[in-house]
Amino acid sequence: MSYPRYVDVDLARRIEILVDHVDLPANCFPIAHVPLEAQWGGNAEDDPNLMGVDLSKVLCYCGRPIKVRMVVLIHSVWFYAPNEEPHRRVNMGFKFFRPLDLHCAQRVLFHKANPMFVPKESIATMYTARLISRRTKGELTQPFERVYDATTAF
């Protein structure tokens, strides 16, 4: 893997472990290890914590939702519109450290989509978006704060 100059030896070692670390009890997989049998939708009745939850848009393995870990280099972010108004969602472009992870992300995200997505050209940078706040009916708006930082611990 090639890293930017600011990635020191310790962080590079952590990245190399993290890109292949599977945590089966937590049903957490790095993108290159998402099981081929993973499918959209699961069986919420088998887990009392998921009773009544619609899993039709959730990637599941053995009937349980999975967490997918992608170790990436953030390429670009958009927090504000050109008129300096904050976006309602954070938009991020990212690149993978390994071509294998990009290939696997495309397999998981594109081929498991319904309908299947086939890009017209090769994609090196992928993009994602996340609402920066959430609001439950009758409550105050809550900022999005759940970000996992694996630079010091799994």
C-alpha atoms as a PDB file:
ATOM      1  CA  MET A   1       0.000   0.000   0.000  1.00  0.00           C
ATOM      2  CA  SER A   2       1.158   3.507  -0.637  1.00  0.00           C
ATOM      3  CA  TYR A   3       0.441   6.176   1.953  1.00  0.00           C
ATOM      4  CA  PRO A   4       0.626   9.960   2.068  1.00  0.00           C
ATOM      5  CA  ARG A   5       3.832  11.297   3.623  1.00  0.00           C
ATOM      6  CA  TYR A   6       2.121  12.206   6.898  1.00  0.00           C
ATOM      7  CA  VAL A   7       1.234   8.547   7.656  1.00  0.00           C
ATOM      8  CA  ASP A   8       3.906   7.351  10.067  1.00  0.00           C
ATOM      9  CA  VAL A   9       5.018   3.741  10.526  1.00  0.00           C
ATOM     10  CA  ASP A  10       2.719   3.094  13.503  1.00  0.00           C
ATOM     11  CA  LEU A  11      -0.369   4.370  11.692  1.00  0.00           C
ATOM     12  CA  ALA A  12       0.574   2.405   8.556  1.00  0.00           C
ATOM     13  CA  ARG A  13       0.812  -0.758  10.676  1.00  0.00           C
ATOM     14  CA  ARG A  14      -2.636  -0.068  12.191  1.00  0.00           C
ATOM     15  CA  ILE A  15      -4.119   0.488   8.728  1.00  0.00           C
ATOM     16  CA  GLU A  16      -2.661  -2.789   7.456  1.00  0.00           C
ATOM     17  CA  ILE A  17      -4.266  -4.660  10.354  1.00  0.00           C
ATOM     18  CA  LEU A  18      -7.578  -2.826  10.144  1.00  0.00           C
ATOM     19  CA  VAL A  19      -8.167  -3.363   6.406  1.00  0.00           C
ATOM     20  CA  ASP A  20      -8.325  -7.138   6.978  1.00  0.00           C
ATOM     21  CA  HIS A  21      -9.653  -7.412  10.569  1.00  0.00           C
ATOM     22  CA  VAL A  22     -12.953  -9.337  10.731  1.00  0.00           C
ATOM     23  CA  ASP A  23     -14.971  -9.112  13.969  1.00  0.00           C
ATOM     24  CA  LEU A  24     -17.506 -11.964  13.673  1.00  0.00           C
ATOM     25  CA  PRO A  25     -19.180 -11.491  17.090  1.00  0.00           C
ATOM     26  CA  ALA A  26     -19.945  -7.869  16.113  1.00  0.00           C
ATOM     27  CA  ASN A  27     -20.815  -8.885  12.516  1.00  0.00           C
ATOM     28  CA  CYS A  28     -18.275  -6.291  11.339  1.00  0.00           C
ATOM     29  CA  PHE A  29     -16.372  -6.836   8.103  1.00  0.00           C
ATOM     30  CA  PRO A  30     -13.783  -4.839   6.197  1.00  0.00           C
ATOM     31  CA  ILE A  31     -15.029  -4.111   2.686  1.00  0.00           C
ATOM     32  CA  ALA A  32     -12.745  -6.781   1.177  1.00  0.00           C
ATOM     33  CA  HIS A  33     -14.249  -9.451   3.471  1.00  0.00           C
ATOM     34  CA  VAL A  34     -17.985  -8.800   3.179  1.00  0.00           C
ATOM     35  CA  PRO A  35     -19.404 -12.302   2.716  1.00  0.00           C
ATOM     36  CA  LEU A  36     -20.689 -13.067  -0.771  1.00  0.00           C
ATOM     37  CA  GLU A  37     -23.832 -14.406   0.923  1.00  0.00           C
ATOM     38  CA  ALA A  38     -24.650 -10.981   2.449  1.00  0.00           C
ATOM     39  CA  GLN A  39     -28.039  -9.776   1.241  1.00  0.00           C
ATOM     40  CA  TRP A  40     -30.321  -6.791   1.694  1.00  0.00           C
ATOM     41  CA  GLY A  41     -32.822  -7.566   4.411  1.00  0.00           C
ATOM     42  CA  GLY A  42     -32.626  -9.872   7.367  1.00  0.00           C
ATOM     43  CA  ASN A  43     -34.736 -11.547   9.992  1.00  0.00           C
ATOM     44  CA  ALA A  44     -35.598  -9.060  12.743  1.00  0.00           C
ATOM     45  CA  GLU A  45     -37.722 -11.653  14.553  1.00  0.00           C
ATOM     46  CA  ASP A  46     -34.597 -13.623  15.564  1.00  0.00           C
ATOM     47  CA  ASP A  47     -33.159 -10.702  17.560  1.00  0.00           C
ATOM     48  CA  PRO A  48     -35.177  -9.052  20.344  1.00  0.00           C
ATOM     49  CA  ASN A  49     -33.197  -5.824  19.802  1.00  0.00           C
ATOM     50  CA  LEU A  50     -34.459  -5.650  16.201  1.00  0.00           C
ATOM     51  CA  MET A  51     -38.157  -6.483  16.723  1.00  0.00           C
ATOM     52  CA  GLY A  52     -40.261  -4.289  14.451  1.00  0.00           C
ATOM     53  CA  VAL A  53     -37.235  -2.912  12.557  1.00  0.00           C
ATOM     54  CA  ASP A  54     -37.494  -2.872   8.754  1.00  0.00           C
ATOM     55  CA  LEU A  55     -34.266  -4.485   7.527  1.00  0.00           C
ATOM     56  CA  SER A  56     -35.172  -4.411   3.834  1.00  0.00           C
ATOM     57  CA  LYS A  57     -32.595  -1.658   3.159  1.00  0.00           C
ATOM     58  CA  VAL A  58     -29.945  -3.039   5.511  1.00  0.00           C
ATOM     59  CA  LEU A  59     -27.123  -5.331   4.359  1.00  0.00           C
ATOM     60  CA  CYS A  60     -27.321  -8.498   6.440  1.00  0.00           C
ATOM     61  CA  TYR A  61     -25.355 -11.706   6.904  1.00  0.00           C
ATOM     62  CA  CYS A  62     -26.967 -14.747   8.521  1.00  0.00           C
ATOM     63  CA  GLY A  63     -30.077 -12.616   9.030  1.00  0.00           C
ATOM     64  CA  ARG A  64     -28.252  -9.973  11.100  1.00  0.00           C
ATOM     65  CA  PRO A  65     -27.262  -6.440  10.046  1.00  0.00           C
ATOM     66  CA  ILE A  66     -23.576  -6.079   9.287  1.00  0.00           C
ATOM     67  CA  LYS A  67     -21.195  -3.201   9.760  1.00  0.00           C
ATOM     68  CA  VAL A  68     -18.874  -2.570   6.839  1.00  0.00           C
ATOM     69  CA  ARG A  69     -15.490  -1.002   7.541  1.00  0.00           C
ATOM     70  CA  MET A  70     -13.795   0.999   4.813  1.00  0.00           C
ATOM     71  CA  VAL A  71     -10.329   2.377   5.520  1.00  0.00           C
ATOM     72  CA  VAL A  72      -9.981   5.318   3.153  1.00  0.00           C
ATOM     73  CA  LEU A  73      -8.208   8.563   2.477  1.00  0.00           C
ATOM     74  CA  ILE A  74     -10.634  11.487   2.517  1.00  0.00           C
ATOM     75  CA  HIS A  75     -10.238  13.219  -0.817  1.00  0.00           C
ATOM     76  CA  SER A  76     -12.718  16.095  -0.544  1.00  0.00           C
ATOM     77  CA  VAL A  77     -15.433  17.372   1.781  1.00  0.00           C
ATOM     78  CA  TRP A  78     -18.297  19.782   1.394  1.00  0.00           C
ATOM     79  CA  PHE A  79     -19.721  21.400   4.506  1.00  0.00           C
ATOM     80  CA  TYR A  80     -20.855  24.689   2.940  1.00  0.00           C
ATOM     81  CA  ALA A  81     -22.566  25.737  -0.278  1.00  0.00           C
ATOM     82  CA  PRO A  82     -20.844  28.374  -2.489  1.00  0.00           C
ATOM     83  CA  ASN A  83     -22.994  31.062  -0.811  1.00  0.00           C
ATOM     84  CA  GLU A  84     -21.467  30.002   2.561  1.00  0.00           C
ATOM     85  CA  GLU A  85     -24.714  28.481   3.812  1.00  0.00           C
ATOM     86  CA  PRO A  86     -24.095  25.195   5.672  1.00  0.00           C
ATOM     87  CA  HIS A  87     -25.200  22.053   3.861  1.00  0.00           C
ATOM     88  CA  ARG A  88     -27.845  19.931   5.545  1.00  0.00           C
ATOM     89  CA  ARG A  89     -25.598  16.966   4.869  1.00  0.00           C
ATOM     90  CA  VAL A  90     -21.855  16.457   4.816  1.00  0.00           C
ATOM     91  CA  ASN A  91     -20.611  15.242   1.443  1.00  0.00           C
ATOM     92  CA  MET A  92     -17.317  13.417   1.250  1.00  0.00           C
ATOM     93  CA  GLY A  93     -15.168  12.005  -1.532  1.00  0.00           C
ATOM     94  CA  PHE A  94     -12.736   9.253  -0.612  1.00  0.00           C
ATOM     95  CA  LYS A  95     -10.135   6.963  -2.140  1.00  0.00           C
ATOM     96  CA  PHE A  96      -9.067   3.533  -0.978  1.00  0.00           C
ATOM     97  CA  PHE A  97      -5.480   2.700  -0.089  1.00  0.00           C
ATOM     98  CA  ARG A  98      -5.729  -0.615  -1.944  1.00  0.00           C
ATOM     99  CA  PRO A  99      -7.203  -1.286  -5.402  1.00  0.00           C
ATOM    100  CA  LEU A 100      -8.663  -4.507  -3.930  1.00  0.00           C
ATOM    101  CA  ASP A 101     -10.821  -2.492  -1.523  1.00  0.00           C
ATOM    102  CA  LEU A 102     -12.110  -0.269  -4.335  1.00  0.00           C
ATOM    103  CA  HIS A 103     -13.001  -3.353  -6.371  1.00  0.00           C
ATOM    104  CA  CYS A 104     -14.781  -4.945  -3.400  1.00  0.00           C
ATOM    105  CA  ALA A 105     -16.661  -1.725  -2.578  1.00  0.00           C
ATOM    106  CA  GLN A 106     -17.911  -1.605  -6.148  1.00  0.00           C
ATOM    107  CA  ARG A 107     -18.922  -5.281  -5.952  1.00  0.00           C
ATOM    108  CA  VAL A 108     -20.818  -4.775  -2.692  1.00  0.00           C
ATOM    109  CA  LEU A 109     -22.364  -1.403  -3.463  1.00  0.00           C
ATOM    110  CA  PHE A 110     -22.983  -1.679  -7.205  1.00  0.00           C
ATOM    111  CA  HIS A 111     -23.722  -5.364  -7.759  1.00  0.00           C
ATOM    112  CA  LYS A 112     -25.906  -5.778  -4.689  1.00  0.00           C
ATOM    113  CA  ALA A 113     -27.943  -2.676  -5.547  1.00  0.00           C
ATOM    114  CA  ASN A 114     -31.436  -3.217  -6.886  1.00  0.00           C
ATOM    115  CA  PRO A 115     -31.462  -2.502  -9.762  1.00  0.00           C
ATOM    116  CA  MET A 116     -27.793  -3.327 -10.233  1.00  0.00           C
ATOM    117  CA  PHE A 117     -25.650  -0.293 -11.045  1.00  0.00           C
ATOM    118  CA  VAL A 118     -23.005  -0.592 -13.745  1.00  0.00           C
ATOM    119  CA  PRO A 119     -20.811   2.526 -14.046  1.00  0.00           C
ATOM    120  CA  LYS A 120     -20.055   3.690 -17.564  1.00  0.00           C
ATOM    121  CA  GLU A 121     -16.423   4.411 -16.700  1.00  0.00           C
ATOM    122  CA  SER A 122     -13.843   3.409 -14.129  1.00  0.00           C
ATOM    123  CA  ILE A 123     -14.319   5.031 -10.739  1.00  0.00           C
ATOM    124  CA  ALA A 124     -11.309   5.878  -8.550  1.00  0.00           C
ATOM    125  CA  THR A 125     -13.013   8.241  -6.103  1.00  0.00           C
ATOM    126  CA  MET A 126     -16.240   7.304  -4.361  1.00  0.00           C
ATOM    127  CA  TYR A 127     -18.616   9.696  -2.628  1.00  0.00           C
ATOM    128  CA  THR A 128     -20.934   9.529   0.337  1.00  0.00           C
ATOM    129  CA  ALA A 129     -23.249  11.883   2.193  1.00  0.00           C
ATOM    130  CA  ARG A 130     -24.616  11.982   5.715  1.00  0.00           C
ATOM    131  CA  LEU A 131     -27.199  14.292   7.264  1.00  0.00           C
ATOM    132  CA  ILE A 132     -25.381  16.389   9.864  1.00  0.00           C
ATOM    133  CA  SER A 133     -28.329  16.426  12.209  1.00  0.00           C
ATOM    134  CA  ARG A 134     -31.339  14.320  12.964  1.00  0.00           C
ATOM    135  CA  ARG A 135     -34.624  15.176  14.474  1.00  0.00           C
ATOM    136  CA  THR A 136     -37.151  12.960  16.168  1.00  0.00           C
ATOM    137  CA  LYS A 137     -40.706  14.267  16.144  1.00  0.00           C
ATOM    138  CA  GLY A 138     -41.261  16.454  19.182  1.00  0.00           C
ATOM    139  CA  GLU A 139     -37.547  16.700  20.086  1.00  0.00           C
ATOM    140  CA  LEU A 140     -34.813  19.218  19.439  1.00  0.00           C
ATOM    141  CA  THR A 141     -32.511  18.695  16.465  1.00  0.00           C
ATOM    142  CA  GLN A 142     -29.460  16.638  17.451  1.00  0.00           C
ATOM    143  CA  PRO A 143     -26.121  17.030  15.656  1.00  0.00           C
ATOM    144  CA  PHE A 144     -24.524  13.974  14.069  1.00  0.00           C
ATOM    145  CA  GLU A 145     -21.627  13.005  16.359  1.00  0.00           C
ATOM    146  CA  ARG A 146     -21.035   9.268  15.809  1.00  0.00           C
ATOM    147  CA  VAL A 147     -17.684   8.994  14.090  1.00  0.00           C
ATOM    148  CA  TYR A 148     -15.380   6.068  14.696  1.00  0.00           C
ATOM    149  CA  ASP A 149     -11.691   6.969  14.945  1.00  0.00           C
ATOM    150  CA  ALA A 150      -9.487   3.884  14.748  1.00  0.00           C
ATOM    151  CA  THR A 151      -6.165   5.730  14.875  1.00  0.00           C
ATOM    152  CA  THR A 152      -5.613   4.706  18.499  1.00  0.00           C
ATOM    153  CA  ALA A 153      -7.808   1.629  19.110  1.00  0.00           C
ATOM    154  CA  PHE A 154     -10.146  -0.764  17.293  1.00  0.00           C
END
